[in-house]
Amino acid sequence: MGRYFEVSLHATSETEEALGDFLFSEGALGLVAEDLPGEPPRKLIRASFSESLSVDPLVEGLRRYQDSLAALGFSGADARIVVHELPIEDWERINREQFEPLLVGRRLVIAPPWHQGPLAEDRLLIRINPAMTFGTGYATTTRMCLEALEAFMDRWPEKRGPLVLDMGTGTGILAIAAAALGAQRVVAVDTDPDACAAARENLALHDCADRVQIIHGGIEDVGSDQRFDMVLANLDARILPPLFHSLTTRLAPAGRLIVGGIMVKEEGIVTPAMRASHLRTLERRTQGEWLCLTLVTERG
């Protein structure tokens, strides 16, 4: 029987969102926050992870993140971390309990495929099955990338839709949203075969499948002669710097590069690599501890 790990800890109103976003960025399959009795108000955060994940580095990274929150003056950032190994048989039930429709930006609504209730009729519906990969729209970093993508599409001046590259596609949410918003063609790339499988399953839930190509591989597997009007990279501050040059070479003249998965405190990690690749910031979005940048080449 398959199993998964559950990581739980207490959070205050000050730390709940930051801790949840951190756990999602580290690959949480799902997350539940439950009210705890007593004062001051507290939450019990329970995040589930695939059994294939190495738990010790995850817990150590979570402790370091707690320390950084405490150093910033957040109360309750030193809560004890508890890890349980559990049967995976309840995974679908847990998923169905925690994922509700989510409004993103002005035009999008994200919903799981099993949701049958009424949805906003004036929004584009993106159905995503929360799977063992990153990117459901419920994490702040993914929402910010969706908002930046929507802003780009709103300003697109040409009749034909833009060509879009989505690096590290995960569930395929950004690629599917780009197609739904009017992209002419989208290439979605991920090195994780499970992510590619999840992206294909999610893509099959939409009528834009003929405009999205999913590639199992890296940037080197995208034709070097292809140029894109928009490149999306919702990755990690540790992964992005060595990719900037390759991503920049795939940009069309005046193309845009949206990067997410960066904590505000990590901006200094990515800035030197951006400058070395002759990129400058066109738009800067922050929410809580997270940062999303829209970049353009210096010639653009």
C-alpha atoms as a PDB file:
ATOM      1  CA  MET A   1       0.000   0.000   0.000  1.00  0.00           C
ATOM      2  CA  GLY A   2       1.316   3.465  -0.863  1.00  0.00           C
ATOM      3  CA  ARG A   3       2.114   5.924   1.877  1.00  0.00           C
ATOM      4  CA  TYR A   4       2.750   9.632   2.295  1.00  0.00           C
ATOM      5  CA  PHE A   5       4.267  11.879   4.930  1.00  0.00           C
ATOM      6  CA  GLU A   6       2.345  14.470   6.878  1.00  0.00           C
ATOM      7  CA  VAL A   7       4.266  17.417   8.327  1.00  0.00           C
ATOM      8  CA  SER A   8       2.371  19.387  10.957  1.00  0.00           C
ATOM      9  CA  LEU A   9       3.066  22.422  13.118  1.00  0.00           C
ATOM     10  CA  HIS A  10       1.223  25.233  14.881  1.00  0.00           C
ATOM     11  CA  ALA A  11       0.985  28.689  13.315  1.00  0.00           C
ATOM     12  CA  THR A  12      -0.278  32.094  14.355  1.00  0.00           C
ATOM     13  CA  SER A  13      -2.218  34.523  12.212  1.00  0.00           C
ATOM     14  CA  GLU A  14       1.142  36.177  11.460  1.00  0.00           C
ATOM     15  CA  THR A  15       2.869  33.014  10.249  1.00  0.00           C
ATOM     16  CA  GLU A  16       0.063  30.906   8.735  1.00  0.00           C
ATOM     17  CA  GLU A  17       0.247  32.189   5.153  1.00  0.00           C
ATOM     18  CA  ALA A  18       4.044  32.351   5.055  1.00  0.00           C
ATOM     19  CA  LEU A  19       4.429  28.793   6.369  1.00  0.00           C
ATOM     20  CA  GLY A  20       1.762  27.482   4.000  1.00  0.00           C
ATOM     21  CA  ASP A  21       3.439  29.090   0.997  1.00  0.00           C
ATOM     22  CA  PHE A  22       6.815  27.701   2.046  1.00  0.00           C
ATOM     23  CA  LEU A  23       5.411  24.166   2.348  1.00  0.00           C
ATOM     24  CA  PHE A  24       3.747  24.418  -1.078  1.00  0.00           C
ATOM     25  CA  SER A  25       7.015  25.692  -2.585  1.00  0.00           C
ATOM     26  CA  GLU A  26       8.791  22.647  -1.156  1.00  0.00           C
ATOM     27  CA  GLY A  27       6.394  20.299  -2.919  1.00  0.00           C
ATOM     28  CA  ALA A  28       3.434  19.853  -0.568  1.00  0.00           C
ATOM     29  CA  LEU A  29       0.717  17.792  -2.233  1.00  0.00           C
ATOM     30  CA  GLY A  30      -1.933  19.496  -0.147  1.00  0.00           C
ATOM     31  CA  LEU A  31      -2.354  21.533   2.997  1.00  0.00           C
ATOM     32  CA  VAL A  32      -5.034  21.830   5.670  1.00  0.00           C
ATOM     33  CA  ALA A  33      -5.192  24.581   8.321  1.00  0.00           C
ATOM     34  CA  GLU A  34      -7.425  23.836  11.312  1.00  0.00           C
ATOM     35  CA  ASP A  35      -8.445  26.227  14.094  1.00  0.00           C
ATOM     36  CA  LEU A  36      -7.095  25.329  17.522  1.00  0.00           C
ATOM     37  CA  PRO A  37      -8.949  26.105  20.757  1.00  0.00           C
ATOM     38  CA  GLY A  38      -7.741  28.752  23.198  1.00  0.00           C
ATOM     39  CA  GLU A  39      -6.145  32.146  23.023  1.00  0.00           C
ATOM     40  CA  PRO A  40      -4.337  33.626  21.229  1.00  0.00           C
ATOM     41  CA  PRO A  41      -5.877  32.242  18.019  1.00  0.00           C
ATOM     42  CA  ARG A  42      -3.712  29.539  16.435  1.00  0.00           C
ATOM     43  CA  LYS A  43      -3.902  27.102  13.540  1.00  0.00           C
ATOM     44  CA  LEU A  44      -2.699  23.551  13.101  1.00  0.00           C
ATOM     45  CA  ILE A  45      -1.101  23.284   9.653  1.00  0.00           C
ATOM     46  CA  ARG A  46      -0.962  19.782   8.173  1.00  0.00           C
ATOM     47  CA  ALA A  47       0.925  19.424   4.883  1.00  0.00           C
ATOM     48  CA  SER A  48       1.212  16.141   2.991  1.00  0.00           C
ATOM     49  CA  PHE A  49       4.216  15.046   0.933  1.00  0.00           C
ATOM     50  CA  SER A  50       4.999  12.114  -1.345  1.00  0.00           C
ATOM     51  CA  GLU A  51       6.875   9.229   0.277  1.00  0.00           C
ATOM     52  CA  SER A  52       9.556   9.678  -2.412  1.00  0.00           C
ATOM     53  CA  LEU A  53      10.531  13.023  -0.869  1.00  0.00           C
ATOM     54  CA  SER A  54      13.491  13.111   1.511  1.00  0.00           C
ATOM     55  CA  VAL A  55      11.894  14.286   4.746  1.00  0.00           C
ATOM     56  CA  ASP A  56      14.975  15.256   6.768  1.00  0.00           C
ATOM     57  CA  PRO A  57      16.132  18.047   4.390  1.00  0.00           C
ATOM     58  CA  LEU A  58      12.528  19.290   4.217  1.00  0.00           C
ATOM     59  CA  VAL A  59      12.258  19.538   8.008  1.00  0.00           C
ATOM     60  CA  GLU A  60      15.661  21.195   8.256  1.00  0.00           C
ATOM     61  CA  GLY A  61      14.674  23.759   5.620  1.00  0.00           C
ATOM     62  CA  LEU A  62      11.399  24.395   7.450  1.00  0.00           C
ATOM     63  CA  ARG A  63      13.300  25.003  10.697  1.00  0.00           C
ATOM     64  CA  ARG A  64      15.573  27.495   8.958  1.00  0.00           C
ATOM     65  CA  TYR A  65      12.530  29.238   7.521  1.00  0.00           C
ATOM     66  CA  GLN A  66      10.977  29.401  10.998  1.00  0.00           C
ATOM     67  CA  ASP A  67      14.208  30.966  12.266  1.00  0.00           C
ATOM     68  CA  SER A  68      14.063  33.596   9.525  1.00  0.00           C
ATOM     69  CA  LEU A  69      10.456  34.453  10.463  1.00  0.00           C
ATOM     70  CA  ALA A  70      11.434  34.700  14.132  1.00  0.00           C
ATOM     71  CA  ALA A  71      14.341  36.986  13.209  1.00  0.00           C
ATOM     72  CA  LEU A  72      11.838  39.261  11.478  1.00  0.00           C
ATOM     73  CA  GLY A  73       9.814  39.472  14.694  1.00  0.00           C
ATOM     74  CA  PHE A  74       6.934  37.118  13.859  1.00  0.00           C
ATOM     75  CA  SER A  75       5.383  35.558  16.943  1.00  0.00           C
ATOM     76  CA  GLY A  76       4.980  31.793  17.237  1.00  0.00           C
ATOM     77  CA  ALA A  77       7.586  31.032  14.592  1.00  0.00           C
ATOM     78  CA  ASP A  78       9.360  28.454  16.766  1.00  0.00           C
ATOM     79  CA  ALA A  79       6.591  25.817  16.819  1.00  0.00           C
ATOM     80  CA  ARG A  80       7.581  22.157  17.039  1.00  0.00           C
ATOM     81  CA  ILE A  81       7.525  20.237  13.744  1.00  0.00           C
ATOM     82  CA  VAL A  82       5.911  16.786  13.796  1.00  0.00           C
ATOM     83  CA  VAL A  83       6.211  14.185  11.005  1.00  0.00           C
ATOM     84  CA  HIS A  84       3.890  11.197  10.552  1.00  0.00           C
ATOM     85  CA  GLU A  85       3.935   8.481   7.893  1.00  0.00           C
ATOM     86  CA  LEU A  86       0.372   7.665   6.818  1.00  0.00           C
ATOM     87  CA  PRO A  87      -1.446   5.405   4.326  1.00  0.00           C
ATOM     88  CA  ILE A  88      -2.218   7.105   1.031  1.00  0.00           C
ATOM     89  CA  GLU A  89      -5.742   5.633   0.936  1.00  0.00           C
ATOM     90  CA  ASP A  90      -7.216   8.851   2.361  1.00  0.00           C
ATOM     91  CA  TRP A  91      -5.423  11.126  -0.113  1.00  0.00           C
ATOM     92  CA  GLU A  92      -8.357  11.602  -2.493  1.00  0.00           C
ATOM     93  CA  ARG A  93     -10.738  12.327   0.401  1.00  0.00           C
ATOM     94  CA  ILE A  94      -8.326  14.906   1.872  1.00  0.00           C
ATOM     95  CA  ASN A  95      -7.927  16.539  -1.542  1.00  0.00           C
ATOM     96  CA  ARG A  96     -11.672  16.868  -2.022  1.00  0.00           C
ATOM     97  CA  GLU A  97     -12.092  18.446   1.392  1.00  0.00           C
ATOM     98  CA  GLN A  98      -9.495  21.169   1.002  1.00  0.00           C
ATOM     99  CA  PHE A  99      -9.596  22.414  -2.598  1.00  0.00           C
ATOM    100  CA  GLU A 100     -12.422  24.846  -3.345  1.00  0.00           C
ATOM    101  CA  PRO A 101     -12.805  27.171  -6.379  1.00  0.00           C
ATOM    102  CA  LEU A 102     -10.371  30.080  -6.271  1.00  0.00           C
ATOM    103  CA  LEU A 103     -10.724  33.428  -8.070  1.00  0.00           C
ATOM    104  CA  VAL A 104      -7.428  34.665  -9.518  1.00  0.00           C
ATOM    105  CA  GLY A 105      -6.906  38.060 -11.089  1.00  0.00           C
ATOM    106  CA  ARG A 106      -9.833  39.554 -13.021  1.00  0.00           C
ATOM    107  CA  ARG A 107     -10.585  36.733 -15.432  1.00  0.00           C
ATOM    108  CA  LEU A 108      -9.633  33.336 -14.002  1.00  0.00           C
ATOM    109  CA  VAL A 109     -11.211  30.829 -11.634  1.00  0.00           C
ATOM    110  CA  ILE A 110      -9.312  27.691 -10.575  1.00  0.00           C
ATOM    111  CA  ALA A 111     -11.363  24.644  -9.558  1.00  0.00           C
ATOM    112  CA  PRO A 112     -10.770  20.911  -9.085  1.00  0.00           C
ATOM    113  CA  PRO A 113     -12.435  18.650 -11.662  1.00  0.00           C
ATOM    114  CA  TRP A 114     -14.850  17.179  -9.118  1.00  0.00           C
ATOM    115  CA  HIS A 115     -16.380  20.544  -8.181  1.00  0.00           C
ATOM    116  CA  GLN A 116     -19.963  20.609  -9.468  1.00  0.00           C
ATOM    117  CA  GLY A 117     -21.266  23.780  -7.847  1.00  0.00           C
ATOM    118  CA  PRO A 118     -21.911  27.098  -9.603  1.00  0.00           C
ATOM    119  CA  LEU A 119     -18.886  29.076 -10.797  1.00  0.00           C
ATOM    120  CA  ALA A 120     -18.464  32.679 -11.884  1.00  0.00           C
ATOM    121  CA  GLU A 121     -19.764  32.818 -15.465  1.00  0.00           C
ATOM    122  CA  ASP A 122     -17.671  35.865 -16.362  1.00  0.00           C
ATOM    123  CA  ARG A 123     -14.372  34.033 -15.710  1.00  0.00           C
ATOM    124  CA  LEU A 124     -12.297  31.498 -17.611  1.00  0.00           C
ATOM    125  CA  LEU A 125     -12.440  28.141 -15.837  1.00  0.00           C
ATOM    126  CA  ILE A 126      -9.137  26.331 -15.261  1.00  0.00           C
ATOM    127  CA  ARG A 127      -9.642  22.843 -13.856  1.00  0.00           C
ATOM    128  CA  ILE A 128      -6.610  21.456 -12.044  1.00  0.00           C
ATOM    129  CA  ASN A 129      -6.482  18.083 -10.331  1.00  0.00           C
ATOM    130  CA  PRO A 130      -4.196  18.551  -7.297  1.00  0.00           C
ATOM    131  CA  ALA A 131      -1.526  15.943  -7.861  1.00  0.00           C
ATOM    132  CA  MET A 132       1.886  14.917  -6.647  1.00  0.00           C
ATOM    133  CA  THR A 133       3.530  17.912  -8.230  1.00  0.00           C
ATOM    134  CA  PHE A 134       3.788  21.647  -7.695  1.00  0.00           C
ATOM    135  CA  GLY A 135       1.320  24.252  -8.958  1.00  0.00           C
ATOM    136  CA  THR A 136      -2.352  24.337  -8.100  1.00  0.00           C
ATOM    137  CA  GLY A 137      -3.030  28.073  -7.960  1.00  0.00           C
ATOM    138  CA  TYR A 138      -3.535  27.892  -4.205  1.00  0.00           C
ATOM    139  CA  ALA A 139       0.090  28.801  -3.480  1.00  0.00           C
ATOM    140  CA  THR A 140       0.852  32.523  -3.496  1.00  0.00           C
ATOM    141  CA  THR A 141       3.740  32.202  -5.952  1.00  0.00           C
ATOM    142  CA  THR A 142       1.543  30.466  -8.550  1.00  0.00           C
ATOM    143  CA  ARG A 143      -1.255  33.009  -8.116  1.00  0.00           C
ATOM    144  CA  MET A 144       1.153  35.896  -8.667  1.00  0.00           C
ATOM    145  CA  CYS A 145       2.482  34.305 -11.853  1.00  0.00           C
ATOM    146  CA  LEU A 146      -1.095  33.847 -13.079  1.00  0.00           C
ATOM    147  CA  GLU A 147      -1.825  37.510 -12.359  1.00  0.00           C
ATOM    148  CA  ALA A 148       1.334  38.630 -14.172  1.00  0.00           C
ATOM    149  CA  LEU A 149       0.439  36.372 -17.117  1.00  0.00           C
ATOM    150  CA  GLU A 150      -3.075  37.813 -17.253  1.00  0.00           C
ATOM    151  CA  ALA A 151      -1.669  41.371 -17.235  1.00  0.00           C
ATOM    152  CA  PHE A 152       0.638  40.492 -20.123  1.00  0.00           C
ATOM    153  CA  MET A 153      -2.205  38.957 -22.131  1.00  0.00           C
ATOM    154  CA  ASP A 154      -4.433  41.978 -21.474  1.00  0.00           C
ATOM    155  CA  ARG A 155      -1.801  44.215 -23.074  1.00  0.00           C
ATOM    156  CA  TRP A 156      -0.951  41.939 -26.003  1.00  0.00           C
ATOM    157  CA  PRO A 157      -1.340  44.195 -29.077  1.00  0.00           C
ATOM    158  CA  GLU A 158      -1.517  41.734 -31.948  1.00  0.00           C
ATOM    159  CA  LYS A 159      -4.469  39.844 -33.387  1.00  0.00           C
ATOM    160  CA  ARG A 160      -2.620  36.542 -33.222  1.00  0.00           C
ATOM    161  CA  GLY A 161      -1.997  35.262 -29.728  1.00  0.00           C
ATOM    162  CA  PRO A 162       1.528  35.176 -28.289  1.00  0.00           C
ATOM    163  CA  LEU A 163       3.865  32.175 -28.294  1.00  0.00           C
ATOM    164  CA  VAL A 164       4.495  31.039 -24.710  1.00  0.00           C
ATOM    165  CA  LEU A 165       7.106  28.823 -23.054  1.00  0.00           C
ATOM    166  CA  ASP A 166       6.394  27.427 -19.565  1.00  0.00           C
ATOM    167  CA  MET A 167       9.527  26.083 -17.874  1.00  0.00           C
ATOM    168  CA  GLY A 168       8.898  23.719 -14.955  1.00  0.00           C
ATOM    169  CA  THR A 169       5.224  23.337 -15.804  1.00  0.00           C
ATOM    170  CA  GLY A 170       4.278  21.141 -12.803  1.00  0.00           C
ATOM    171  CA  THR A 171       0.524  20.574 -13.006  1.00  0.00           C
ATOM    172  CA  GLY A 172       0.444  22.594 -16.238  1.00  0.00           C
ATOM    173  CA  ILE A 173      -1.625  25.355 -14.653  1.00  0.00           C
ATOM    174  CA  LEU A 174       0.312  28.273 -16.178  1.00  0.00           C
ATOM    175  CA  ALA A 175       0.449  26.672 -19.631  1.00  0.00           C
ATOM    176  CA  ILE A 176      -3.283  25.917 -19.585  1.00  0.00           C
ATOM    177  CA  ALA A 177      -4.095  29.424 -18.345  1.00  0.00           C
ATOM    178  CA  ALA A 178      -1.942  30.951 -21.097  1.00  0.00           C
ATOM    179  CA  ALA A 179      -3.841  28.984 -23.749  1.00  0.00           C
ATOM    180  CA  ALA A 180      -7.200  29.833 -22.177  1.00  0.00           C
ATOM    181  CA  LEU A 181      -6.277  33.529 -22.177  1.00  0.00           C
ATOM    182  CA  GLY A 182      -5.533  33.406 -25.908  1.00  0.00           C
ATOM    183  CA  ALA A 183      -1.978  32.196 -26.511  1.00  0.00           C
ATOM    184  CA  GLN A 184      -1.503  30.927 -30.059  1.00  0.00           C
ATOM    185  CA  ARG A 185       0.788  28.120 -28.909  1.00  0.00           C
ATOM    186  CA  VAL A 186       2.301  27.020 -25.595  1.00  0.00           C
ATOM    187  CA  VAL A 187       5.298  24.764 -24.996  1.00  0.00           C
ATOM    188  CA  ALA A 188       5.310  23.341 -21.443  1.00  0.00           C
ATOM    189  CA  VAL A 189       8.507  21.696 -20.186  1.00  0.00           C
ATOM    190  CA  ASP A 190       9.366  19.737 -17.035  1.00  0.00           C
ATOM    191  CA  THR A 191      12.203  17.405 -16.072  1.00  0.00           C
ATOM    192  CA  ASP A 192       9.868  15.380 -13.818  1.00  0.00           C
ATOM    193  CA  PRO A 193       7.963  12.645 -15.699  1.00  0.00           C
ATOM    194  CA  ASP A 194       5.251  12.614 -13.013  1.00  0.00           C
ATOM    195  CA  ALA A 195       4.724  16.348 -13.522  1.00  0.00           C
ATOM    196  CA  CYS A 196       4.398  15.844 -17.280  1.00  0.00           C
ATOM    197  CA  ALA A 197       1.844  13.080 -16.713  1.00  0.00           C
ATOM    198  CA  ALA A 198      -0.150  15.315 -14.343  1.00  0.00           C
ATOM    199  CA  ALA A 199       0.015  18.211 -16.817  1.00  0.00           C
ATOM    200  CA  ARG A 200      -1.301  16.003 -19.631  1.00  0.00           C
ATOM    201  CA  GLU A 201      -4.190  14.809 -17.455  1.00  0.00           C
ATOM    202  CA  ASN A 202      -5.110  18.387 -16.565  1.00  0.00           C
ATOM    203  CA  LEU A 203      -4.748  19.546 -20.161  1.00  0.00           C
ATOM    204  CA  ALA A 204      -7.215  16.863 -21.252  1.00  0.00           C
ATOM    205  CA  LEU A 205      -9.867  18.599 -19.121  1.00  0.00           C
ATOM    206  CA  HIS A 206      -9.772  21.656 -21.421  1.00  0.00           C
ATOM    207  CA  ASP A 207     -10.576  22.393 -25.052  1.00  0.00           C
ATOM    208  CA  CYS A 208      -7.190  24.049 -25.700  1.00  0.00           C
ATOM    209  CA  ALA A 209      -5.163  20.812 -25.746  1.00  0.00           C
ATOM    210  CA  ASP A 210      -4.294  21.254 -29.431  1.00  0.00           C
ATOM    211  CA  ARG A 211      -2.406  24.463 -28.630  1.00  0.00           C
ATOM    212  CA  VAL A 212      -0.255  23.114 -25.765  1.00  0.00           C
ATOM    213  CA  GLN A 213       2.765  20.848 -26.264  1.00  0.00           C
ATOM    214  CA  ILE A 214       4.183  19.115 -23.176  1.00  0.00           C
ATOM    215  CA  ILE A 215       7.852  18.110 -23.264  1.00  0.00           C
ATOM    216  CA  HIS A 216       9.577  15.877 -20.726  1.00  0.00           C
ATOM    217  CA  GLY A 217      13.039  17.427 -20.517  1.00  0.00           C
ATOM    218  CA  GLY A 218      14.861  20.688 -19.935  1.00  0.00           C
ATOM    219  CA  ILE A 219      15.480  23.951 -21.747  1.00  0.00           C
ATOM    220  CA  GLU A 220      17.929  22.142 -24.043  1.00  0.00           C
ATOM    221  CA  ASP A 221      15.009  20.096 -25.385  1.00  0.00           C
ATOM    222  CA  VAL A 222      13.304  23.236 -26.673  1.00  0.00           C
ATOM    223  CA  GLY A 223      14.489  23.996 -30.183  1.00  0.00           C
ATOM    224  CA  SER A 224      17.268  26.593 -30.083  1.00  0.00           C
ATOM    225  CA  ASP A 225      15.700  28.368 -33.050  1.00  0.00           C
ATOM    226  CA  GLN A 226      12.337  28.859 -31.285  1.00  0.00           C
ATOM    227  CA  ARG A 227      11.536  32.298 -29.894  1.00  0.00           C
ATOM    228  CA  PHE A 228       8.703  33.074 -27.493  1.00  0.00           C
ATOM    229  CA  ASP A 229       6.811  36.262 -26.700  1.00  0.00           C
ATOM    230  CA  MET A 230       6.400  35.118 -23.097  1.00  0.00           C
ATOM    231  CA  VAL A 231       8.525  32.758 -21.008  1.00  0.00           C
ATOM    232  CA  LEU A 232       7.177  31.593 -17.630  1.00  0.00           C
ATOM    233  CA  ALA A 233       9.517  30.181 -14.966  1.00  0.00           C
ATOM    234  CA  ASN A 234       7.823  29.601 -11.615  1.00  0.00           C
ATOM    235  CA  LEU A 235      10.751  27.704 -10.161  1.00  0.00           C
ATOM    236  CA  ASP A 236      13.074  28.420  -7.234  1.00  0.00           C
ATOM    237  CA  ALA A 237      15.642  31.084  -6.454  1.00  0.00           C
ATOM    238  CA  ARG A 238      18.323  28.380  -6.343  1.00  0.00           C
ATOM    239  CA  ILE A 239      17.359  26.986  -9.767  1.00  0.00           C
ATOM    240  CA  LEU A 240      16.728  30.204 -11.687  1.00  0.00           C
ATOM    241  CA  PRO A 241      20.196  31.896 -11.854  1.00  0.00           C
ATOM    242  CA  PRO A 242      21.899  29.284 -14.075  1.00  0.00           C
ATOM    243  CA  LEU A 243      18.834  29.216 -16.350  1.00  0.00           C
ATOM    244  CA  PHE A 244      18.595  32.949 -17.050  1.00  0.00           C
ATOM    245  CA  HIS A 245      20.950  32.938 -20.041  1.00  0.00           C
ATOM    246  CA  SER A 246      19.179  30.023 -21.760  1.00  0.00           C
ATOM    247  CA  LEU A 247      15.744  31.496 -21.060  1.00  0.00           C
ATOM    248  CA  THR A 248      16.828  34.885 -22.391  1.00  0.00           C
ATOM    249  CA  THR A 249      18.011  33.372 -25.668  1.00  0.00           C
ATOM    250  CA  ARG A 250      14.502  31.941 -26.173  1.00  0.00           C
ATOM    251  CA  LEU A 251      12.836  35.381 -25.898  1.00  0.00           C
ATOM    252  CA  ALA A 252      11.527  37.083 -29.009  1.00  0.00           C
ATOM    253  CA  PRO A 253      12.409  40.764 -29.468  1.00  0.00           C
ATOM    254  CA  ALA A 254      10.430  42.670 -26.812  1.00  0.00           C
ATOM    255  CA  GLY A 255       9.531  39.330 -25.204  1.00  0.00           C
ATOM    256  CA  ARG A 256       8.773  39.056 -21.498  1.00  0.00           C
ATOM    257  CA  LEU A 257      10.097  36.655 -18.859  1.00  0.00           C
ATOM    258  CA  ILE A 258       7.962  36.067 -15.746  1.00  0.00           C
ATOM    259  CA  VAL A 259       9.835  34.470 -12.852  1.00  0.00           C
ATOM    260  CA  GLY A 260       8.270  33.303  -9.593  1.00  0.00           C
ATOM    261  CA  GLY A 261       9.074  31.023  -6.688  1.00  0.00           C
ATOM    262  CA  ILE A 262      11.396  33.677  -5.228  1.00  0.00           C
ATOM    263  CA  MET A 263      11.207  34.871  -1.641  1.00  0.00           C
ATOM    264  CA  VAL A 264      11.674  38.608  -1.169  1.00  0.00           C
ATOM    265  CA  LYS A 265      14.767  37.970   0.928  1.00  0.00           C
ATOM    266  CA  GLU A 266      16.234  35.915  -1.962  1.00  0.00           C
ATOM    267  CA  GLU A 267      16.023  38.729  -4.503  1.00  0.00           C
ATOM    268  CA  GLY A 268      19.737  39.352  -4.059  1.00  0.00           C
ATOM    269  CA  ILE A 269      20.428  35.794  -5.215  1.00  0.00           C
ATOM    270  CA  VAL A 270      18.771  36.236  -8.605  1.00  0.00           C
ATOM    271  CA  THR A 271      19.616  39.886  -9.341  1.00  0.00           C
ATOM    272  CA  PRO A 272      23.301  39.358 -10.328  1.00  0.00           C
ATOM    273  CA  ALA A 273      22.346  36.543 -12.710  1.00  0.00           C
ATOM    274  CA  MET A 274      19.598  38.716 -14.208  1.00  0.00           C
ATOM    275  CA  ARG A 275      22.052  41.529 -14.868  1.00  0.00           C
ATOM    276  CA  ALA A 276      24.636  39.133 -16.307  1.00  0.00           C
ATOM    277  CA  SER A 277      21.977  38.000 -18.778  1.00  0.00           C
ATOM    278  CA  HIS A 278      21.165  41.640 -19.633  1.00  0.00           C
ATOM    279  CA  LEU A 279      17.695  41.522 -18.083  1.00  0.00           C
ATOM    280  CA  ARG A 280      15.937  44.358 -16.309  1.00  0.00           C
ATOM    281  CA  THR A 281      12.796  44.431 -14.179  1.00  0.00           C
ATOM    282  CA  LEU A 282       9.668  45.728 -15.865  1.00  0.00           C
ATOM    283  CA  GLU A 283       7.183  44.838 -13.102  1.00  0.00           C
ATOM    284  CA  ARG A 284       7.718  43.725  -9.514  1.00  0.00           C
ATOM    285  CA  ARG A 285       4.942  42.041  -7.527  1.00  0.00           C
ATOM    286  CA  THR A 286       5.131  41.061  -3.881  1.00  0.00           C
ATOM    287  CA  GLN A 287       2.706  39.322  -1.583  1.00  0.00           C
ATOM    288  CA  GLY A 288       3.811  38.470   1.923  1.00  0.00           C
ATOM    289  CA  GLU A 289       7.242  36.887   1.681  1.00  0.00           C
ATOM    290  CA  TRP A 290       7.000  36.123  -2.039  1.00  0.00           C
ATOM    291  CA  LEU A 291       8.188  37.930  -5.142  1.00  0.00           C
ATOM    292  CA  CYS A 292       7.225  37.700  -8.823  1.00  0.00           C
ATOM    293  CA  LEU A 293       9.157  39.612 -11.478  1.00  0.00           C
ATOM    294  CA  THR A 294       8.347  40.440 -15.084  1.00  0.00           C
ATOM    295  CA  LEU A 295      11.637  40.915 -16.899  1.00  0.00           C
ATOM    296  CA  VAL A 296      12.659  42.234 -20.296  1.00  0.00           C
ATOM    297  CA  THR A 297      15.999  42.286 -22.055  1.00  0.00           C
ATOM    298  CA  GLU A 298      17.891  45.565 -22.040  1.00  0.00           C
ATOM    299  CA  ARG A 299      17.337  45.834 -25.770  1.00  0.00           C
ATOM    300  CA  GLY A 300      13.565  45.330 -25.219  1.00  0.00           C
END
